């Protein structure tokens, strides 16, 4: 199944913000931030794509992060750090525009 265009744009922003891949310290805040703007299915689709592009260890960290986010909230400082990194990569910091799909 083809990924919607707005999710492809989000993946592009993530790649721009994290060209070397998402470090473990940012994984939980990243998915918490995505979860504030996307549905669970959309977050899962992004995670699945990122897993395909990462090392097995990073993919496992992403799976753990998604589970952790549902149980624990990251600190505001962690979310602010991730938000700033993504903003530097062009993240719009607003709800994604799904109408362009």
C-alpha atoms as a PDB file:
ATOM      1  CA  UNK A   1       0.000   0.000   0.000  1.00  0.00           C
ATOM      2  CA  UNK A   2       1.344   3.393  -0.981  1.00  0.00           C
ATOM      3  CA  UNK A   3       1.963   5.866   1.806  1.00  0.00           C
ATOM      4  CA  UNK A   4      -0.098   9.092   1.671  1.00  0.00           C
ATOM      5  CA  UNK A   5       1.801  12.159   0.474  1.00  0.00           C
ATOM      6  CA  UNK A   6       1.566  13.985   3.811  1.00  0.00           C
ATOM      7  CA  UNK A   7       3.218  11.008   5.561  1.00  0.00           C
ATOM      8  CA  UNK A   8       5.954  11.019   2.916  1.00  0.00           C
ATOM      9  CA  UNK A   9       6.516  14.717   3.690  1.00  0.00           C
ATOM     10  CA  UNK A  10       6.799  13.906   7.388  1.00  0.00           C
ATOM     11  CA  UNK A  11       9.381  11.215   6.606  1.00  0.00           C
ATOM     12  CA  UNK A  12      11.311  13.761   4.526  1.00  0.00           C
ATOM     13  CA  UNK A  13      11.282  16.193   7.493  1.00  0.00           C
ATOM     14  CA  UNK A  14      12.477  13.438   9.803  1.00  0.00           C
ATOM     15  CA  UNK A  15      15.301  12.562   7.434  1.00  0.00           C
ATOM     16  CA  UNK A  16      16.272  16.246   7.187  1.00  0.00           C
ATOM     17  CA  UNK A  17      16.193  16.681  10.960  1.00  0.00           C
ATOM     18  CA  UNK A  18      18.004  13.409  11.586  1.00  0.00           C
ATOM     19  CA  UNK A  19      20.179  12.735   8.534  1.00  0.00           C
ATOM     20  CA  UNK A  20      22.244  10.211  10.515  1.00  0.00           C
ATOM     21  CA  UNK A  21      19.139   8.497  11.913  1.00  0.00           C
ATOM     22  CA  UNK A  22      17.149   9.057  15.092  1.00  0.00           C
ATOM     23  CA  UNK A  23      19.319   8.525  18.177  1.00  0.00           C
ATOM     24  CA  UNK A  24      17.904   6.405  20.980  1.00  0.00           C
ATOM     25  CA  UNK A  25      17.667   9.470  23.259  1.00  0.00           C
ATOM     26  CA  UNK A  26      15.249  11.142  20.832  1.00  0.00           C
ATOM     27  CA  UNK A  27      13.144   8.138  19.861  1.00  0.00           C
ATOM     28  CA  UNK A  28      10.582   8.338  22.677  1.00  0.00           C
ATOM     29  CA  UNK A  29      10.110  12.135  22.502  1.00  0.00           C
ATOM     30  CA  UNK A  30       9.906  11.945  18.706  1.00  0.00           C
ATOM     31  CA  UNK A  31       7.088   9.421  18.735  1.00  0.00           C
ATOM     32  CA  UNK A  32       5.356  11.312  21.537  1.00  0.00           C
ATOM     33  CA  UNK A  33       5.500  14.462  19.392  1.00  0.00           C
ATOM     34  CA  UNK A  34       4.243  12.620  16.313  1.00  0.00           C
ATOM     35  CA  UNK A  35       1.461  11.121  18.401  1.00  0.00           C
ATOM     36  CA  UNK A  36       0.134  14.591  19.212  1.00  0.00           C
ATOM     37  CA  UNK A  37      -0.454  15.296  15.525  1.00  0.00           C
ATOM     38  CA  UNK A  38      -1.021  11.930  13.887  1.00  0.00           C
ATOM     39  CA  UNK A  39      -3.243   8.919  14.419  1.00  0.00           C
ATOM     40  CA  UNK A  40      -1.803   5.731  15.879  1.00  0.00           C
ATOM     41  CA  UNK A  41      -1.954   4.112  12.426  1.00  0.00           C
ATOM     42  CA  UNK A  42      -0.078   7.039  10.871  1.00  0.00           C
ATOM     43  CA  UNK A  43       2.619   6.904  13.561  1.00  0.00           C
ATOM     44  CA  UNK A  44       2.912   3.140  13.011  1.00  0.00           C
ATOM     45  CA  UNK A  45       3.305   3.650   9.237  1.00  0.00           C
ATOM     46  CA  UNK A  46       6.108   6.161   9.788  1.00  0.00           C
ATOM     47  CA  UNK A  47       7.805   3.890  12.308  1.00  0.00           C
ATOM     48  CA  UNK A  48       7.574   0.967   9.902  1.00  0.00           C
ATOM     49  CA  UNK A  49       9.243   2.970   7.152  1.00  0.00           C
ATOM     50  CA  UNK A  50      11.969   4.239   9.493  1.00  0.00           C
ATOM     51  CA  UNK A  51      12.565   0.685  10.704  1.00  0.00           C
ATOM     52  CA  UNK A  52      13.187  -0.449   7.118  1.00  0.00           C
ATOM     53  CA  UNK A  53      15.860   2.244   6.757  1.00  0.00           C
ATOM     54  CA  UNK A  54      17.621   1.660  10.064  1.00  0.00           C
ATOM     55  CA  UNK A  55      19.811  -0.879  11.769  1.00  0.00           C
ATOM     56  CA  UNK A  56      18.060  -3.745  13.559  1.00  0.00           C
ATOM     57  CA  UNK A  57      19.004  -2.153  16.899  1.00  0.00           C
ATOM     58  CA  UNK A  58      17.432   1.176  15.934  1.00  0.00           C
ATOM     59  CA  UNK A  59      14.328  -0.546  14.621  1.00  0.00           C
ATOM     60  CA  UNK A  60      13.925  -2.342  17.943  1.00  0.00           C
ATOM     61  CA  UNK A  61      14.421   0.953  19.794  1.00  0.00           C
ATOM     62  CA  UNK A  62      11.585   2.460  17.733  1.00  0.00           C
ATOM     63  CA  UNK A  63       9.266  -0.421  18.538  1.00  0.00           C
ATOM     64  CA  UNK A  64      10.078  -0.047  22.246  1.00  0.00           C
ATOM     65  CA  UNK A  65       9.577   3.727  22.025  1.00  0.00           C
ATOM     66  CA  UNK A  66       6.089   3.421  20.600  1.00  0.00           C
ATOM     67  CA  UNK A  67       5.120   1.039  23.391  1.00  0.00           C
ATOM     68  CA  UNK A  68       6.731   3.300  25.999  1.00  0.00           C
ATOM     69  CA  UNK A  69       4.966   6.423  24.736  1.00  0.00           C
ATOM     70  CA  UNK A  70       1.628   4.835  25.409  1.00  0.00           C
ATOM     71  CA  UNK A  71       2.645   4.215  29.039  1.00  0.00           C
ATOM     72  CA  UNK A  72       4.937   7.150  29.897  1.00  0.00           C
ATOM     73  CA  UNK A  73       5.175  10.727  28.755  1.00  0.00           C
ATOM     74  CA  UNK A  74       8.644  12.098  27.928  1.00  0.00           C
ATOM     75  CA  UNK A  75       9.726  15.299  29.633  1.00  0.00           C
ATOM     76  CA  UNK A  76       8.871  18.659  28.124  1.00  0.00           C
ATOM     77  CA  UNK A  77      12.611  19.295  27.732  1.00  0.00           C
ATOM     78  CA  UNK A  78      12.983  16.140  25.640  1.00  0.00           C
ATOM     79  CA  UNK A  79      10.048  17.089  23.428  1.00  0.00           C
ATOM     80  CA  UNK A  80      11.396  20.646  23.049  1.00  0.00           C
ATOM     81  CA  UNK A  81      14.811  19.274  22.000  1.00  0.00           C
ATOM     82  CA  UNK A  82      13.242  17.034  19.353  1.00  0.00           C
ATOM     83  CA  UNK A  83      10.894  19.798  18.180  1.00  0.00           C
ATOM     84  CA  UNK A  84      13.871  22.165  17.723  1.00  0.00           C
ATOM     85  CA  UNK A  85      15.820  19.567  15.771  1.00  0.00           C
ATOM     86  CA  UNK A  86      12.887  18.895  13.458  1.00  0.00           C
ATOM     87  CA  UNK A  87      12.212  22.624  13.016  1.00  0.00           C
ATOM     88  CA  UNK A  88      15.788  22.995  11.787  1.00  0.00           C
ATOM     89  CA  UNK A  89      14.968  20.362   9.155  1.00  0.00           C
ATOM     90  CA  UNK A  90      11.827  22.194   8.011  1.00  0.00           C
ATOM     91  CA  UNK A  91       9.198  20.571  10.267  1.00  0.00           C
ATOM     92  CA  UNK A  92       6.160  22.866  10.130  1.00  0.00           C
ATOM     93  CA  UNK A  93       5.280  22.447  13.845  1.00  0.00           C
ATOM     94  CA  UNK A  94       1.608  22.355  12.959  1.00  0.00           C
ATOM     95  CA  UNK A  95      -0.890  19.644  12.182  1.00  0.00           C
ATOM     96  CA  UNK A  96       0.052  18.131   8.811  1.00  0.00           C
ATOM     97  CA  UNK A  97      -1.998  19.177   5.797  1.00  0.00           C
ATOM     98  CA  UNK A  98      -3.760  16.052   4.606  1.00  0.00           C
ATOM     99  CA  UNK A  99      -5.678  17.874   1.888  1.00  0.00           C
ATOM    100  CA  UNK A 100      -2.736  17.750  -0.536  1.00  0.00           C
ATOM    101  CA  UNK A 101      -3.103  13.965  -0.847  1.00  0.00           C
END
